[in-house]
Amino acid sequence: MRDEDENRPRDTVTHRIGEALDTLSLDELDARIALLTGEIARIEATRAAKKAALDQAGSIFRF
């Protein structure tokens, strides 16, 4: 029976903004925090790359 549990696909962690959180366990809340922290880092990295490209383009086209 334990093998069946280990072979079963695990649920992926997802989050919807505004979703009720009171029914989640501490482990589930920790997983949500990790998910959202990773997403924030991804967004910040994309923003930094876009800003760098914009700054570089601005320096090329200055008169």
PDB file of N, CA and C in Angstrom:
ATOM      1  N   MET A   1       0.816  -1.187   0.000  1.00  0.00           N
ATOM      2  CA  MET A   1       0.000   0.000   0.000  1.00  0.00           C
ATOM      3  C   MET A   1       0.863   1.256   0.000  1.00  0.00           C
ATOM      4  N   ARG A   2       1.980   1.218   0.694  1.00  0.00           N
ATOM      5  CA  ARG A   2       2.859   2.373   0.713  1.00  0.00           C
ATOM      6  C   ARG A   2       3.415   2.643  -0.680  1.00  0.00           C
ATOM      7  N   ASP A   3       3.735   1.600  -1.434  1.00  0.00           N
ATOM      8  CA  ASP A   3       4.224   1.762  -2.793  1.00  0.00           C
ATOM      9  C   ASP A   3       3.201   2.474  -3.667  1.00  0.00           C
ATOM     10  N   GLU A   4       1.929   2.163  -3.458  1.00  0.00           N
ATOM     11  CA  GLU A   4       0.880   2.818  -4.236  1.00  0.00           C
ATOM     12  C   GLU A   4       0.853   4.317  -3.961  1.00  0.00           C
ATOM     13  N   ASP A   5       1.041   4.704  -2.698  1.00  0.00           N
ATOM     14  CA  ASP A   5       1.059   6.118  -2.347  1.00  0.00           C
ATOM     15  C   ASP A   5       2.257   6.831  -2.962  1.00  0.00           C
ATOM     16  N   GLU A   6       3.400   6.156  -2.987  1.00  0.00           N
ATOM     17  CA  GLU A   6       4.609   6.766  -3.529  1.00  0.00           C
ATOM     18  C   GLU A   6       4.540   6.889  -5.049  1.00  0.00           C
ATOM     19  N   ASN A   7       3.843   5.988  -5.713  1.00  0.00           N
ATOM     20  CA  ASN A   7       3.757   6.018  -7.169  1.00  0.00           C
ATOM     21  C   ASN A   7       2.651   6.930  -7.686  1.00  0.00           C
ATOM     22  N   ARG A   8       1.747   7.319  -6.803  1.00  0.00           N
ATOM     23  CA  ARG A   8       0.645   8.183  -7.205  1.00  0.00           C
ATOM     24  C   ARG A   8       1.186   9.588  -7.485  1.00  0.00           C
ATOM     25  N   PRO A   9       0.744  10.220  -8.574  1.00  0.00           N
ATOM     26  CA  PRO A   9       1.229  11.576  -8.854  1.00  0.00           C
ATOM     27  C   PRO A   9       0.852  12.518  -7.713  1.00  0.00           C
ATOM     28  N   ARG A  10       1.780  13.380  -7.360  1.00  0.00           N
ATOM     29  CA  ARG A  10       1.526  14.333  -6.287  1.00  0.00           C
ATOM     30  C   ARG A  10       0.800  15.548  -6.846  1.00  0.00           C
ATOM     31  N   ASP A  11      -0.036  16.114  -6.019  1.00  0.00           N
ATOM     32  CA  ASP A  11      -0.733  17.329  -6.420  1.00  0.00           C
ATOM     33  C   ASP A  11       0.272  18.463  -6.528  1.00  0.00           C
ATOM     34  N   THR A  12       0.136  19.264  -7.567  1.00  0.00           N
ATOM     35  CA  THR A  12       1.001  20.424  -7.688  1.00  0.00           C
ATOM     36  C   THR A  12       0.411  21.553  -6.854  1.00  0.00           C
ATOM     37  N   VAL A  13       1.274  22.354  -6.317  1.00  0.00           N
ATOM     38  CA  VAL A  13       0.837  23.467  -5.491  1.00  0.00           C
ATOM     39  C   VAL A  13       0.413  24.600  -6.413  1.00  0.00           C
ATOM     40  N   THR A  14      -0.779  25.094  -6.193  1.00  0.00           N
ATOM     41  CA  THR A  14      -1.273  26.243  -6.930  1.00  0.00           C
ATOM     42  C   THR A  14      -1.868  27.227  -5.939  1.00  0.00           C
ATOM     43  N   HIS A  15      -2.026  28.433  -6.385  1.00  0.00           N
ATOM     44  CA  HIS A  15      -2.624  29.440  -5.516  1.00  0.00           C
ATOM     45  C   HIS A  15      -3.425  30.422  -6.354  1.00  0.00           C
ATOM     46  N   ARG A  16      -4.561  30.794  -5.837  1.00  0.00           N
ATOM     47  CA  ARG A  16      -5.385  31.829  -6.457  1.00  0.00           C
ATOM     48  C   ARG A  16      -5.452  33.005  -5.506  1.00  0.00           C
ATOM     49  N   ILE A  17      -5.234  34.181  -6.029  1.00  0.00           N
ATOM     50  CA  ILE A  17      -5.294  35.384  -5.204  1.00  0.00           C
ATOM     51  C   ILE A  17      -6.682  35.493  -4.582  1.00  0.00           C
ATOM     52  N   GLY A  18      -6.730  35.740  -3.292  1.00  0.00           N
ATOM     53  CA  GLY A  18      -7.994  35.882  -2.581  1.00  0.00           C
ATOM     54  C   GLY A  18      -8.602  34.580  -2.106  1.00  0.00           C
ATOM     55  N   GLU A  19      -7.953  33.467  -2.400  1.00  0.00           N
ATOM     56  CA  GLU A  19      -8.464  32.157  -2.000  1.00  0.00           C
ATOM     57  C   GLU A  19      -8.481  32.037  -0.474  1.00  0.00           C
ATOM     58  N   ALA A  20      -9.489  31.369   0.060  1.00  0.00           N
ATOM     59  CA  ALA A  20      -9.573  31.146   1.506  1.00  0.00           C
ATOM     60  C   ALA A  20      -8.376  30.318   1.960  1.00  0.00           C
ATOM     61  N   LEU A  21      -7.758  30.733   3.048  1.00  0.00           N
ATOM     62  CA  LEU A  21      -6.567  30.057   3.551  1.00  0.00           C
ATOM     63  C   LEU A  21      -6.802  29.309   4.856  1.00  0.00           C
ATOM     64  N   ASP A  22      -7.941  29.533   5.474  1.00  0.00           N
ATOM     65  CA  ASP A  22      -8.181  28.974   6.799  1.00  0.00           C
ATOM     66  C   ASP A  22      -8.303  27.455   6.827  1.00  0.00           C
ATOM     67  N   THR A  23      -8.512  26.833   5.701  1.00  0.00           N
ATOM     68  CA  THR A  23      -8.636  25.372   5.669  1.00  0.00           C
ATOM     69  C   THR A  23      -7.309  24.673   5.368  1.00  0.00           C
ATOM     70  N   LEU A  24      -6.255  25.439   5.112  1.00  0.00           N
ATOM     71  CA  LEU A  24      -4.967  24.853   4.756  1.00  0.00           C
ATOM     72  C   LEU A  24      -4.145  24.513   5.993  1.00  0.00           C
ATOM     73  N   SER A  25      -3.361  23.450   5.887  1.00  0.00           N
ATOM     74  CA  SER A  25      -2.477  23.053   6.977  1.00  0.00           C
ATOM     75  C   SER A  25      -1.234  23.945   6.964  1.00  0.00           C
ATOM     76  N   LEU A  26      -0.433  23.835   8.010  1.00  0.00           N
ATOM     77  CA  LEU A  26       0.812  24.598   8.053  1.00  0.00           C
ATOM     78  C   LEU A  26       1.731  24.219   6.899  1.00  0.00           C
ATOM     79  N   ASP A  27       1.818  22.935   6.587  1.00  0.00           N
ATOM     80  CA  ASP A  27       2.649  22.490   5.469  1.00  0.00           C
ATOM     81  C   ASP A  27       2.141  23.063   4.148  1.00  0.00           C
ATOM     82  N   GLU A  28       0.839  23.098   3.978  1.00  0.00           N
ATOM     83  CA  GLU A  28       0.266  23.662   2.753  1.00  0.00           C
ATOM     84  C   GLU A  28       0.517  25.159   2.673  1.00  0.00           C
ATOM     85  N   LEU A  29       0.421  25.846   3.796  1.00  0.00           N
ATOM     86  CA  LEU A  29       0.725  27.276   3.804  1.00  0.00           C
ATOM     87  C   LEU A  29       2.194  27.525   3.482  1.00  0.00           C
ATOM     88  N   ASP A  30       3.081  26.694   4.033  1.00  0.00           N
ATOM     89  CA  ASP A  30       4.510  26.814   3.714  1.00  0.00           C
ATOM     90  C   ASP A  30       4.766  26.588   2.233  1.00  0.00           C
ATOM     91  N   ALA A  31       4.061  25.627   1.649  1.00  0.00           N
ATOM     92  CA  ALA A  31       4.214  25.358   0.213  1.00  0.00           C
ATOM     93  C   ALA A  31       3.737  26.547  -0.604  1.00  0.00           C
ATOM     94  N   ARG A  32       2.651  27.177  -0.188  1.00  0.00           N
ATOM     95  CA  ARG A  32       2.147  28.367  -0.892  1.00  0.00           C
ATOM     96  C   ARG A  32       3.149  29.507  -0.809  1.00  0.00           C
ATOM     97  N   ILE A  33       3.724  29.700   0.377  1.00  0.00           N
ATOM     98  CA  ILE A  33       4.720  30.759   0.557  1.00  0.00           C
ATOM     99  C   ILE A  33       5.916  30.510  -0.362  1.00  0.00           C
ATOM    100  N   ALA A  34       6.383  29.273  -0.414  1.00  0.00           N
ATOM    101  CA  ALA A  34       7.518  28.934  -1.278  1.00  0.00           C
ATOM    102  C   ALA A  34       7.166  29.177  -2.748  1.00  0.00           C
ATOM    103  N   LEU A  35       5.974  28.793  -3.147  1.00  0.00           N
ATOM    104  CA  LEU A  35       5.523  28.989  -4.518  1.00  0.00           C
ATOM    105  C   LEU A  35       5.503  30.477  -4.872  1.00  0.00           C
ATOM    106  N   LEU A  36       4.891  31.268  -4.007  1.00  0.00           N
ATOM    107  CA  LEU A  36       4.757  32.699  -4.287  1.00  0.00           C
ATOM    108  C   LEU A  36       6.095  33.428  -4.194  1.00  0.00           C
ATOM    109  N   THR A  37       6.960  33.009  -3.275  1.00  0.00           N
ATOM    110  CA  THR A  37       8.291  33.607  -3.180  1.00  0.00           C
ATOM    111  C   THR A  37       9.080  33.341  -4.468  1.00  0.00           C
ATOM    112  N   GLY A  38       8.987  32.129  -4.971  1.00  0.00           N
ATOM    113  CA  GLY A  38       9.647  31.801  -6.239  1.00  0.00           C
ATOM    114  C   GLY A  38       9.087  32.600  -7.396  1.00  0.00           C
ATOM    115  N   GLU A  39       7.788  32.793  -7.403  1.00  0.00           N
ATOM    116  CA  GLU A  39       7.153  33.569  -8.475  1.00  0.00           C
ATOM    117  C   GLU A  39       7.562  35.032  -8.398  1.00  0.00           C
ATOM    118  N   ILE A  40       7.659  35.572  -7.187  1.00  0.00           N
ATOM    119  CA  ILE A  40       8.115  36.955  -7.027  1.00  0.00           C
ATOM    120  C   ILE A  40       9.538  37.096  -7.544  1.00  0.00           C
ATOM    121  N   ALA A  41      10.404  36.153  -7.230  1.00  0.00           N
ATOM    122  CA  ALA A  41      11.784  36.192  -7.717  1.00  0.00           C
ATOM    123  C   ALA A  41      11.827  36.128  -9.240  1.00  0.00           C
ATOM    124  N   ARG A  42      10.984  35.312  -9.836  1.00  0.00           N
ATOM    125  CA  ARG A  42      10.937  35.198 -11.293  1.00  0.00           C
ATOM    126  C   ARG A  42      10.477  36.511 -11.927  1.00  0.00           C
ATOM    127  N   ILE A  43       9.473  37.132 -11.339  1.00  0.00           N
ATOM    128  CA  ILE A  43       8.960  38.399 -11.859  1.00  0.00           C
ATOM    129  C   ILE A  43      10.009  39.497 -11.708  1.00  0.00           C
ATOM    130  N   GLU A  44      10.680  39.542 -10.554  1.00  0.00           N
ATOM    131  CA  GLU A  44      11.712  40.552 -10.334  1.00  0.00           C
ATOM    132  C   GLU A  44      12.870  40.392 -11.316  1.00  0.00           C
ATOM    133  N   ALA A  45      13.265  39.150 -11.610  1.00  0.00           N
ATOM    134  CA  ALA A  45      14.342  38.908 -12.559  1.00  0.00           C
ATOM    135  C   ALA A  45      13.944  39.363 -13.962  1.00  0.00           C
ATOM    136  N   THR A  46      12.715  39.085 -14.354  1.00  0.00           N
ATOM    137  CA  THR A  46      12.229  39.518 -15.665  1.00  0.00           C
ATOM    138  C   THR A  46      12.168  41.034 -15.731  1.00  0.00           C
ATOM    139  N   ARG A  47      11.709  41.660 -14.658  1.00  0.00           N
ATOM    140  CA  ARG A  47      11.636  43.120 -14.610  1.00  0.00           C
ATOM    141  C   ARG A  47      13.031  43.722 -14.729  1.00  0.00           C
ATOM    142  N   ALA A  48      14.007  43.176 -14.009  1.00  0.00           N
ATOM    143  CA  ALA A  48      15.381  43.678 -14.048  1.00  0.00           C
ATOM    144  C   ALA A  48      15.969  43.548 -15.450  1.00  0.00           C
ATOM    145  N   ALA A  49      15.699  42.432 -16.109  1.00  0.00           N
ATOM    146  CA  ALA A  49      16.202  42.230 -17.470  1.00  0.00           C
ATOM    147  C   ALA A  49      15.574  43.229 -18.435  1.00  0.00           C
ATOM    148  N   LYS A  50      14.284  43.475 -18.306  1.00  0.00           N
ATOM    149  CA  LYS A  50      13.611  44.439 -19.178  1.00  0.00           C
ATOM    150  C   LYS A  50      14.119  45.853 -18.918  1.00  0.00           C
ATOM    151  N   LYS A  51      14.352  46.193 -17.650  1.00  0.00           N
ATOM    152  CA  LYS A  51      14.859  47.518 -17.326  1.00  0.00           C
ATOM    153  C   LYS A  51      16.260  47.697 -17.887  1.00  0.00           C
ATOM    154  N   ALA A  52      17.101  46.675 -17.784  1.00  0.00           N
ATOM    155  CA  ALA A  52      18.454  46.747 -18.323  1.00  0.00           C
ATOM    156  C   ALA A  52      18.421  46.945 -19.833  1.00  0.00           C
ATOM    157  N   ALA A  53      17.534  46.226 -20.512  1.00  0.00           N
ATOM    158  CA  ALA A  53      17.412  46.374 -21.967  1.00  0.00           C
ATOM    159  C   ALA A  53      16.928  47.781 -22.326  1.00  0.00           C
ATOM    160  N   LEU A  54      15.984  48.294 -21.564  1.00  0.00           N
ATOM    161  CA  LEU A  54      15.469  49.640 -21.801  1.00  0.00           C
ATOM    162  C   LEU A  54      16.550  50.687 -21.546  1.00  0.00           C
ATOM    163  N   ASP A  55      17.305  50.529 -20.478  1.00  0.00           N
ATOM    164  CA  ASP A  55      18.398  51.456 -20.179  1.00  0.00           C
ATOM    165  C   ASP A  55      19.471  51.417 -21.270  1.00  0.00           C
ATOM    166  N   GLN A  56      19.779  50.231 -21.751  1.00  0.00           N
ATOM    167  CA  GLN A  56      20.781  50.086 -22.807  1.00  0.00           C
ATOM    168  C   GLN A  56      20.275  50.743 -24.095  1.00  0.00           C
ATOM    169  N   ALA A  57      19.045  50.518 -24.436  1.00  0.00           N
ATOM    170  CA  ALA A  57      18.472  51.129 -25.640  1.00  0.00           C
ATOM    171  C   ALA A  57      18.439  52.653 -25.491  1.00  0.00           C
ATOM    172  N   GLY A  58      18.122  53.129 -24.295  1.00  0.00           N
ATOM    173  CA  GLY A  58      18.097  54.566 -24.059  1.00  0.00           C
ATOM    174  C   GLY A  58      19.469  55.194 -24.218  1.00  0.00           C
ATOM    175  N   SER A  59      20.510  54.485 -23.823  1.00  0.00           N
ATOM    176  CA  SER A  59      21.861  55.041 -23.955  1.00  0.00           C
ATOM    177  C   SER A  59      22.315  55.062 -25.413  1.00  0.00           C
ATOM    178  N   ILE A  60      21.822  54.176 -26.218  1.00  0.00           N
ATOM    179  CA  ILE A  60      22.189  54.135 -27.642  1.00  0.00           C
ATOM    180  C   ILE A  60      21.508  55.259 -28.405  1.00  0.00           C
ATOM    181  N   PHE A  61      20.257  55.564 -28.071  1.00  0.00           N
ATOM    182  CA  PHE A  61      19.481  56.516 -28.846  1.00  0.00           C
ATOM    183  C   PHE A  61      19.455  57.920 -28.250  1.00  0.00           C
ATOM    184  N   ARG A  62      20.345  58.235 -27.323  1.00  0.00           N
ATOM    185  CA  ARG A  62      20.412  59.598 -26.771  1.00  0.00           C
ATOM    186  C   ARG A  62      21.082  60.514 -27.772  1.00  0.00           C
ATOM    187  N   PHE A  63      20.591  61.712 -27.834  1.00  0.00           N
ATOM    188  CA  PHE A  63      21.165  62.701 -28.762  1.00  0.00           C
ATOM    189  C   PHE A  63      21.946  63.737 -28.015  1.00  0.00           C
TER     190      PHE A  63
END
